[in-house]
Each structure stands twice: as C-alpha cells, then as structure tokens.
Amino acid sequence: MSTQFISIDSSFDSSLRHAGVARAERGIAYLHELGSSLAQVFSAGLAQGWQAMCRRAAEAHGANPVQGFQALCSRSAEAREDARFFATAKRDPRVMHELQVAISRHGGA
C-alpha cells in the first residue's frame, strides 16, 4: 500500500508548480482583468447614454441643457437651505413658531 501526499500550499517554489496550475492561474487573472475592463466600458456607456437622454429631453421641452442643469443645482441648494432651516426650527421654539405662522398664512403648503 502506497501513500501519496498532495500539497496545496502555494508558498513553495514557483518552479515546482504544475504547468496546468500556472495556466489556470494566468487564465483566471486574464478573465478578472477582462471583466473589470468590460465593467468600465459598460459604465462609461451608461453615463454617456444618460447624458444624451437628458440632453434630448431638455431640447424637446425647449430648454438649454446648461440652463436645466443650473436649475437642478439651484433646486438642490434650496432644498439644503430648507433642511438646514427646519433643523434650526426643531431646536428653537421661536423659529418653529415663525415657521408655523408663515405656513398658516400661505394656506398650509
């Protein structure tokens, strides 16, 4: 009866590595690089497609894409200011009272 031991430890000398194992490792490394390259190309294509779609939609509604982007940025800046103001109103009852009075004046928006 003979006993054979198989070592799966990769820390041994690379010259002792089986040729099939080396080819498989190179193939896996190649597929990994190919996959990451394809993912980069795909995401870049999605970004360009999204920009083109937004540009066409803006032009269809008669708006300049730059003006549309500026309007979007100003809306987000206004939303940040509103959130900051409401956070202040939560901490200060005087500000909350003024906010409630303004809301009641404008019909409870």
C-alpha atoms as a PDB file:
ATOM      1  CA  MET A   1       0.000   0.000   0.000  1.00  0.00           C
ATOM      2  CA  SER A   2       1.458   3.353  -1.006  1.00  0.00           C
ATOM      3  CA  THR A   3       0.554   6.756   0.380  1.00  0.00           C
ATOM      4  CA  GLN A   4       0.719   9.954  -1.629  1.00  0.00           C
ATOM      5  CA  PHE A   5       0.545  13.454  -0.235  1.00  0.00           C
ATOM      6  CA  ILE A   6      -0.708  16.389  -2.238  1.00  0.00           C
ATOM      7  CA  SER A   7       0.327  19.862  -1.174  1.00  0.00           C
ATOM      8  CA  ILE A   8      -1.990  22.747  -1.958  1.00  0.00           C
ATOM      9  CA  ASP A   9       0.245  25.296  -0.256  1.00  0.00           C
ATOM     10  CA  SER A  10       1.197  27.941  -2.850  1.00  0.00           C
ATOM     11  CA  SER A  11       4.121  29.268  -0.827  1.00  0.00           C
ATOM     12  CA  PHE A  12       6.556  26.731  -2.243  1.00  0.00           C
ATOM     13  CA  ASP A  13       8.973  27.462  -5.085  1.00  0.00           C
ATOM     14  CA  SER A  14       7.100  28.541  -8.240  1.00  0.00           C
ATOM     15  CA  SER A  15       9.415  26.430 -10.421  1.00  0.00           C
ATOM     16  CA  LEU A  16       7.870  23.364  -8.790  1.00  0.00           C
ATOM     17  CA  ARG A  17       4.332  24.456  -9.749  1.00  0.00           C
ATOM     18  CA  HIS A  18       2.498  22.213 -12.187  1.00  0.00           C
ATOM     19  CA  ALA A  19       2.154  23.731 -15.667  1.00  0.00           C
ATOM     20  CA  GLY A  20      -1.625  23.260 -15.664  1.00  0.00           C
ATOM     21  CA  VAL A  21      -1.964  25.153 -12.384  1.00  0.00           C
ATOM     22  CA  ALA A  22       0.128  28.014 -13.740  1.00  0.00           C
ATOM     23  CA  ARG A  23      -2.014  28.192 -16.916  1.00  0.00           C
ATOM     24  CA  ALA A  24      -5.218  28.159 -14.870  1.00  0.00           C
ATOM     25  CA  GLU A  25      -3.938  30.986 -12.644  1.00  0.00           C
ATOM     26  CA  ARG A  26      -2.968  33.059 -15.685  1.00  0.00           C
ATOM     27  CA  GLY A  27      -6.371  32.394 -17.264  1.00  0.00           C
ATOM     28  CA  ILE A  28      -8.216  33.449 -14.128  1.00  0.00           C
ATOM     29  CA  ALA A  29      -6.116  36.628 -13.871  1.00  0.00           C
ATOM     30  CA  TYR A  30      -6.869  37.397 -17.536  1.00  0.00           C
ATOM     31  CA  LEU A  31     -10.611  36.874 -17.061  1.00  0.00           C
ATOM     32  CA  HIS A  32     -10.560  39.119 -13.990  1.00  0.00           C
ATOM     33  CA  GLU A  33      -8.825  41.912 -15.934  1.00  0.00           C
ATOM     34  CA  LEU A  34     -11.196  41.441 -18.874  1.00  0.00           C
ATOM     35  CA  GLY A  35     -14.222  41.612 -16.581  1.00  0.00           C
ATOM     36  CA  SER A  36     -13.077  44.820 -14.926  1.00  0.00           C
ATOM     37  CA  SER A  37     -12.331  46.385 -18.338  1.00  0.00           C
ATOM     38  CA  LEU A  38     -15.776  45.434 -19.625  1.00  0.00           C
ATOM     39  CA  ALA A  39     -17.385  46.867 -16.490  1.00  0.00           C
ATOM     40  CA  GLN A  40     -15.583  50.180 -17.047  1.00  0.00           C
ATOM     41  CA  VAL A  41     -16.680  50.317 -20.695  1.00  0.00           C
ATOM     42  CA  PHE A  42     -20.272  49.447 -19.757  1.00  0.00           C
ATOM     43  CA  SER A  43     -20.480  52.109 -17.029  1.00  0.00           C
ATOM     44  CA  ALA A  44     -18.987  54.750 -19.337  1.00  0.00           C
ATOM     45  CA  GLY A  45     -21.565  53.828 -21.979  1.00  0.00           C
ATOM     46  CA  LEU A  46     -24.386  54.122 -19.456  1.00  0.00           C
ATOM     47  CA  ALA A  47     -23.164  57.554 -18.362  1.00  0.00           C
ATOM     48  CA  GLN A  48     -22.961  58.807 -21.946  1.00  0.00           C
ATOM     49  CA  GLY A  49     -26.393  57.377 -22.724  1.00  0.00           C
ATOM     50  CA  TRP A  50     -27.886  59.074 -19.665  1.00  0.00           C
ATOM     51  CA  GLN A  51     -26.355  62.417 -20.641  1.00  0.00           C
ATOM     52  CA  ALA A  52     -27.654  62.102 -24.205  1.00  0.00           C
ATOM     53  CA  MET A  53     -31.140  61.212 -22.980  1.00  0.00           C
ATOM     54  CA  CYS A  54     -31.215  64.188 -20.600  1.00  0.00           C
ATOM     55  CA  ARG A  55     -29.954  66.500 -23.342  1.00  0.00           C
ATOM     56  CA  ARG A  56     -32.650  65.299 -25.786  1.00  0.00           C
ATOM     57  CA  ALA A  57     -35.368  65.664 -23.157  1.00  0.00           C
ATOM     58  CA  ALA A  58     -34.245  69.201 -22.332  1.00  0.00           C
ATOM     59  CA  GLU A  59     -34.123  70.175 -26.016  1.00  0.00           C
ATOM     60  CA  ALA A  60     -37.558  68.622 -26.621  1.00  0.00           C
ATOM     61  CA  HIS A  61     -39.005  70.891 -23.942  1.00  0.00           C
ATOM     62  CA  GLY A  62     -37.252  73.903 -25.418  1.00  0.00           C
ATOM     63  CA  ALA A  63     -34.687  74.269 -22.657  1.00  0.00           C
ATOM     64  CA  ASN A  64     -30.975  74.673 -22.951  1.00  0.00           C
ATOM     65  CA  PRO A  65     -29.276  71.689 -21.222  1.00  0.00           C
ATOM     66  CA  VAL A  66     -26.957  74.046 -19.336  1.00  0.00           C
ATOM     67  CA  GLN A  67     -29.913  76.027 -18.012  1.00  0.00           C
ATOM     68  CA  GLY A  68     -31.611  72.803 -16.966  1.00  0.00           C
ATOM     69  CA  PHE A  69     -28.523  71.724 -15.057  1.00  0.00           C
ATOM     70  CA  GLN A  70     -28.261  75.126 -13.372  1.00  0.00           C
ATOM     71  CA  ALA A  71     -31.939  74.935 -12.365  1.00  0.00           C
ATOM     72  CA  LEU A  72     -31.390  71.466 -10.924  1.00  0.00           C
ATOM     73  CA  CYS A  73     -28.401  72.707  -8.909  1.00  0.00           C
ATOM     74  CA  SER A  74     -30.316  75.710  -7.586  1.00  0.00           C
ATOM     75  CA  ARG A  75     -33.199  73.449  -6.534  1.00  0.00           C
ATOM     76  CA  SER A  76     -30.863  71.180  -4.623  1.00  0.00           C
ATOM     77  CA  ALA A  77     -29.227  74.214  -2.969  1.00  0.00           C
ATOM     78  CA  GLU A  78     -32.688  75.461  -1.961  1.00  0.00           C
ATOM     79  CA  ALA A  79     -33.545  72.025  -0.568  1.00  0.00           C
ATOM     80  CA  ARG A  80     -30.350  72.039   1.516  1.00  0.00           C
ATOM     81  CA  GLU A  81     -31.183  75.522   2.842  1.00  0.00           C
ATOM     82  CA  ASP A  82     -34.730  74.410   3.700  1.00  0.00           C
ATOM     83  CA  ALA A  83     -33.418  71.342   5.521  1.00  0.00           C
ATOM     84  CA  ARG A  84     -30.958  73.487   7.475  1.00  0.00           C
ATOM     85  CA  PHE A  85     -33.716  75.959   8.387  1.00  0.00           C
ATOM     86  CA  PHE A  86     -36.053  73.174   9.522  1.00  0.00           C
ATOM     87  CA  ALA A  87     -33.290  71.651  11.665  1.00  0.00           C
ATOM     88  CA  THR A  88     -32.860  75.056  13.313  1.00  0.00           C
ATOM     89  CA  ALA A  89     -36.630  75.322  13.799  1.00  0.00           C
ATOM     90  CA  LYS A  90     -36.670  71.958  15.582  1.00  0.00           C
ATOM     91  CA  ARG A  91     -34.097  73.234  18.091  1.00  0.00           C
ATOM     92  CA  ASP A  92     -35.517  76.746  18.598  1.00  0.00           C
ATOM     93  CA  PRO A  93     -39.232  77.115  19.504  1.00  0.00           C
ATOM     94  CA  ARG A  94     -39.278  80.767  18.373  1.00  0.00           C
ATOM     95  CA  VAL A  95     -38.179  79.814  14.863  1.00  0.00           C
ATOM     96  CA  MET A  96     -40.704  76.948  14.807  1.00  0.00           C
ATOM     97  CA  HIS A  97     -43.469  79.382  15.777  1.00  0.00           C
ATOM     98  CA  GLU A  98     -42.481  81.756  12.959  1.00  0.00           C
ATOM     99  CA  LEU A  99     -42.439  78.818  10.534  1.00  0.00           C
ATOM    100  CA  GLN A 100     -45.925  77.698  11.623  1.00  0.00           C
ATOM    101  CA  VAL A 101     -47.264  81.256  11.270  1.00  0.00           C
ATOM    102  CA  ALA A 102     -45.809  81.507   7.745  1.00  0.00           C
ATOM    103  CA  ILE A 103     -47.299  78.134   6.782  1.00  0.00           C
ATOM    104  CA  SER A 104     -50.739  79.098   8.086  1.00  0.00           C
ATOM    105  CA  ARG A 105     -50.570  82.414   6.155  1.00  0.00           C
ATOM    106  CA  HIS A 106     -49.882  80.629   2.874  1.00  0.00           C
ATOM    107  CA  GLY A 107     -52.592  78.012   3.203  1.00  0.00           C
ATOM    108  CA  GLY A 108     -50.678  75.151   4.856  1.00  0.00           C
ATOM    109  CA  ALA A 109     -48.466  74.177   1.923  1.00  0.00           C
END
